[in-house]
Protein backbone atom coordinates (compact mmCIF):
# COMPACT_ATOMS: atom_id res chain seq x y z
CA MET A 1 194.72 -181.76 -29.68
CA LYS A 2 195.33 -185.47 -29.24
CA GLN A 3 197.81 -184.82 -26.45
CA PHE A 4 195.33 -182.59 -24.73
CA LEU A 5 192.71 -185.35 -24.76
CA LEU A 6 195.24 -187.90 -23.49
CA GLN A 7 196.16 -185.69 -20.59
CA LEU A 8 192.49 -185.61 -19.41
CA SER A 9 191.14 -188.33 -17.22
CA LEU A 10 188.52 -190.71 -18.62
CA ARG A 11 185.75 -188.91 -16.80
CA GLU A 12 186.85 -185.54 -18.24
CA ARG A 13 187.06 -186.92 -21.73
CA ILE A 14 183.55 -188.37 -21.51
CA LEU A 15 182.23 -185.02 -20.20
CA LEU A 16 184.07 -183.12 -22.95
CA ILE A 17 182.88 -185.40 -25.75
CA GLY A 18 179.32 -185.38 -24.30
CA GLY A 19 179.40 -181.60 -24.05
CA ILE A 20 180.59 -181.29 -27.62
CA ALA A 21 177.88 -183.73 -28.77
CA VAL A 22 175.20 -181.73 -26.92
CA LEU A 23 176.53 -178.48 -28.39
CA VAL A 24 176.54 -179.91 -31.97
CA ILE A 25 173.07 -181.41 -31.58
CA SER A 26 171.60 -178.21 -30.08
CA GLY A 27 173.32 -176.19 -32.82
CA LEU A 28 171.84 -178.33 -35.51
CA TYR A 29 168.45 -178.09 -33.82
CA ALA A 30 168.56 -174.32 -33.44
CA PHE A 31 170.04 -173.45 -36.86
CA THR A 32 168.60 -176.18 -39.06
CA TYR A 33 165.55 -177.90 -37.70
CA LEU A 34 163.79 -174.90 -36.11
CA PRO A 35 163.96 -172.71 -39.19
CA ILE A 36 162.61 -175.55 -41.32
CA ILE A 37 159.69 -176.03 -38.87
CA GLU A 38 158.94 -172.27 -38.79
CA GLU A 39 159.01 -172.10 -42.59
CA GLN A 40 156.72 -175.10 -42.77
CA ARG A 41 154.24 -173.40 -40.38
CA GLY A 42 154.35 -170.20 -42.41
CA LEU A 43 153.69 -172.07 -45.64
CA LYS A 44 150.85 -174.00 -44.03
CA THR A 45 149.25 -170.68 -42.94
CA ALA A 46 149.71 -169.23 -46.42
CA ILE A 47 148.14 -172.28 -48.03
CA GLU A 48 145.12 -172.05 -45.71
CA ALA A 49 144.72 -168.36 -46.53
CA GLN A 50 144.88 -169.14 -50.21
CA GLN A 51 142.30 -171.86 -49.88
CA GLN A 52 139.97 -169.53 -47.99
CA LEU A 53 140.45 -166.95 -50.73
CA LYS A 54 139.79 -169.56 -53.41
CA ASN A 55 136.59 -170.69 -51.68
CA TYR A 56 135.41 -167.07 -51.29
CA LEU A 57 136.07 -166.35 -54.97
CA GLN A 58 134.27 -169.53 -56.01
CA ASP A 59 131.23 -168.50 -53.93
CA ILE A 60 131.29 -165.07 -55.52
CA GLY A 61 131.65 -166.62 -58.96
CA THR A 62 128.67 -168.82 -58.26
CA GLU A 63 126.62 -165.77 -57.18
CA VAL A 64 127.66 -163.85 -60.26
CA GLY A 65 126.70 -166.74 -62.48
CA ALA A 66 123.32 -166.99 -60.81
CA LEU A 67 122.76 -163.28 -61.14
CA GLN A 68 123.75 -163.34 -64.82
CA THR A 69 121.30 -166.11 -65.59
CA HIS A 70 118.49 -164.45 -63.61
CA THR A 71 119.00 -160.92 -64.95
CA PRO A 72 115.97 -159.86 -66.91
CA GLU A 73 116.72 -159.20 -70.54
CA VAL A 74 116.85 -155.62 -71.71
CA THR A 75 113.45 -154.59 -72.93
CA ASN A 76 113.17 -153.77 -76.55
CA ILE A 77 113.28 -150.12 -77.40
CA VAL A 78 109.83 -148.84 -78.18
CA ASP A 79 109.64 -147.86 -81.84
CA THR A 80 106.83 -145.39 -82.06
CA ALA A 81 105.99 -142.63 -84.43
CA GLN A 82 105.62 -140.24 -81.47
CA SER A 83 107.66 -137.09 -81.63
CA LEU A 84 110.42 -136.54 -79.18
CA ILE A 85 108.46 -133.70 -77.53
CA GLY A 86 105.40 -135.92 -77.19
CA ILE A 87 107.37 -138.67 -75.55
CA ILE A 88 109.02 -136.26 -73.09
CA ASP A 89 105.70 -134.56 -72.31
CA VAL A 90 103.85 -137.83 -71.59
CA GLY A 91 106.85 -139.36 -69.81
CA SER A 92 107.41 -136.41 -67.55
CA GLU A 93 103.76 -136.52 -66.50
CA GLN A 94 103.98 -140.27 -65.79
CA ALA A 95 107.19 -139.78 -63.80
CA GLY A 96 105.56 -137.04 -61.73
CA ILE A 97 107.96 -134.24 -62.74
CA LYS A 98 105.72 -132.37 -65.21
CA PRO A 99 105.16 -129.45 -62.80
CA ALA A 100 108.95 -128.96 -62.59
CA VAL A 101 109.33 -128.69 -66.40
CA LYS A 102 109.25 -124.92 -67.06
CA ARG A 103 110.31 -124.80 -70.75
CA LEU A 104 110.64 -127.35 -73.50
CA ILE A 105 112.43 -126.13 -76.65
CA PRO A 106 113.04 -128.33 -79.68
CA GLU A 107 116.57 -128.23 -81.11
CA GLY A 108 116.09 -129.79 -84.52
CA GLN A 109 114.16 -132.98 -85.20
CA ASP A 110 115.95 -135.23 -82.69
CA LYS A 111 117.00 -132.95 -79.80
CA VAL A 112 115.04 -131.15 -77.07
CA THR A 113 116.22 -128.83 -74.28
CA LEU A 114 114.16 -128.70 -71.12
CA TRP A 115 114.48 -126.40 -68.14
CA LEU A 116 113.61 -127.78 -64.74
CA GLU A 117 112.87 -125.92 -61.56
CA ARG A 118 112.55 -127.55 -58.12
CA CYS A 119 112.49 -131.05 -59.55
CA ASP A 120 112.76 -134.16 -57.38
CA SER A 121 116.21 -135.55 -58.27
CA ASP A 122 115.25 -139.18 -57.63
CA LYS A 123 112.25 -138.96 -59.94
CA LEU A 124 114.35 -137.14 -62.57
CA LEU A 125 117.02 -139.84 -62.58
CA ALA A 126 114.43 -142.60 -62.74
CA TRP A 127 112.68 -140.89 -65.62
CA LEU A 128 115.91 -140.34 -67.54
CA ALA A 129 116.73 -144.05 -67.10
CA VAL A 130 113.28 -145.00 -68.49
CA LEU A 131 113.79 -142.65 -71.52
CA ASP A 132 117.12 -144.31 -72.24
CA LYS A 133 115.92 -147.85 -71.79
CA GLU A 134 112.51 -147.69 -73.48
CA TYR A 135 112.86 -144.94 -76.06
CA ALA A 136 116.61 -144.70 -76.71
CA ILE A 137 116.49 -141.05 -75.67
CA THR A 138 119.83 -140.12 -74.06
CA VAL A 139 121.12 -137.15 -72.13
CA GLN A 140 123.53 -135.21 -74.28
CA GLN A 141 124.20 -132.43 -71.81
CA ILE A 142 123.01 -131.79 -68.29
CA SER A 143 123.58 -128.89 -65.99
CA ILE A 144 121.77 -129.10 -62.66
CA SER A 145 122.24 -127.56 -59.25
CA ARG A 146 120.82 -128.29 -55.87
CA GLU A 147 118.07 -126.07 -54.60
CA ALA A 148 119.14 -124.22 -51.47
CA GLY A 149 117.12 -125.23 -48.43
CA ALA A 150 115.24 -127.98 -50.24
CA ALA A 151 116.60 -131.50 -49.82
CA GLY A 152 116.41 -133.60 -52.95
CA LEU A 153 115.31 -130.84 -55.26
CA VAL A 154 117.31 -129.65 -58.25
CA SER A 155 117.02 -127.01 -60.97
CA GLY A 156 118.79 -126.89 -64.29
CA LYS A 157 118.86 -127.62 -67.99
CA VAL A 158 118.87 -130.99 -69.78
CA LEU A 159 119.56 -131.61 -73.45
CA LEU A 160 117.99 -134.84 -74.65
CA SER A 161 118.40 -136.50 -78.01
CA LYS A 162 116.82 -139.48 -79.69
CA ALA A 163 119.19 -142.03 -81.20
CA SER A 164 118.87 -142.42 -84.91
């Protein structure tokens, strides 16, 4: 290799050494520096995405905390001497579904089955929620079906029981 270099003129040697230097520098640039820069950009983008996610989750956490502190406390369950049938009768009238209640059959001291026909489903669900929240009367079994040709109306059977 040394003989080969000595055979070349000074100008050819300078060009050869300069070419090799440019090749080495461009190789180092292409295979070392560029991948490092690309990885750095990718990491920077990932960090920014993580920071945005962190900020979003902190905002959500703040909202959840605010909602938890402003949630009204559960109302105390009404402890009355009223019978289960009496509570259901008065409550169904207040909820506006009394006309839909066709039969009310007691099943022991703490259970009642009621049959509904063409009952407004929204009012029924709201009434069942009130019974659960205020009187601790829960739905043990429910079988309802949509009324054909009548939007929002249901018919069926509901078994309610009072918690002991």
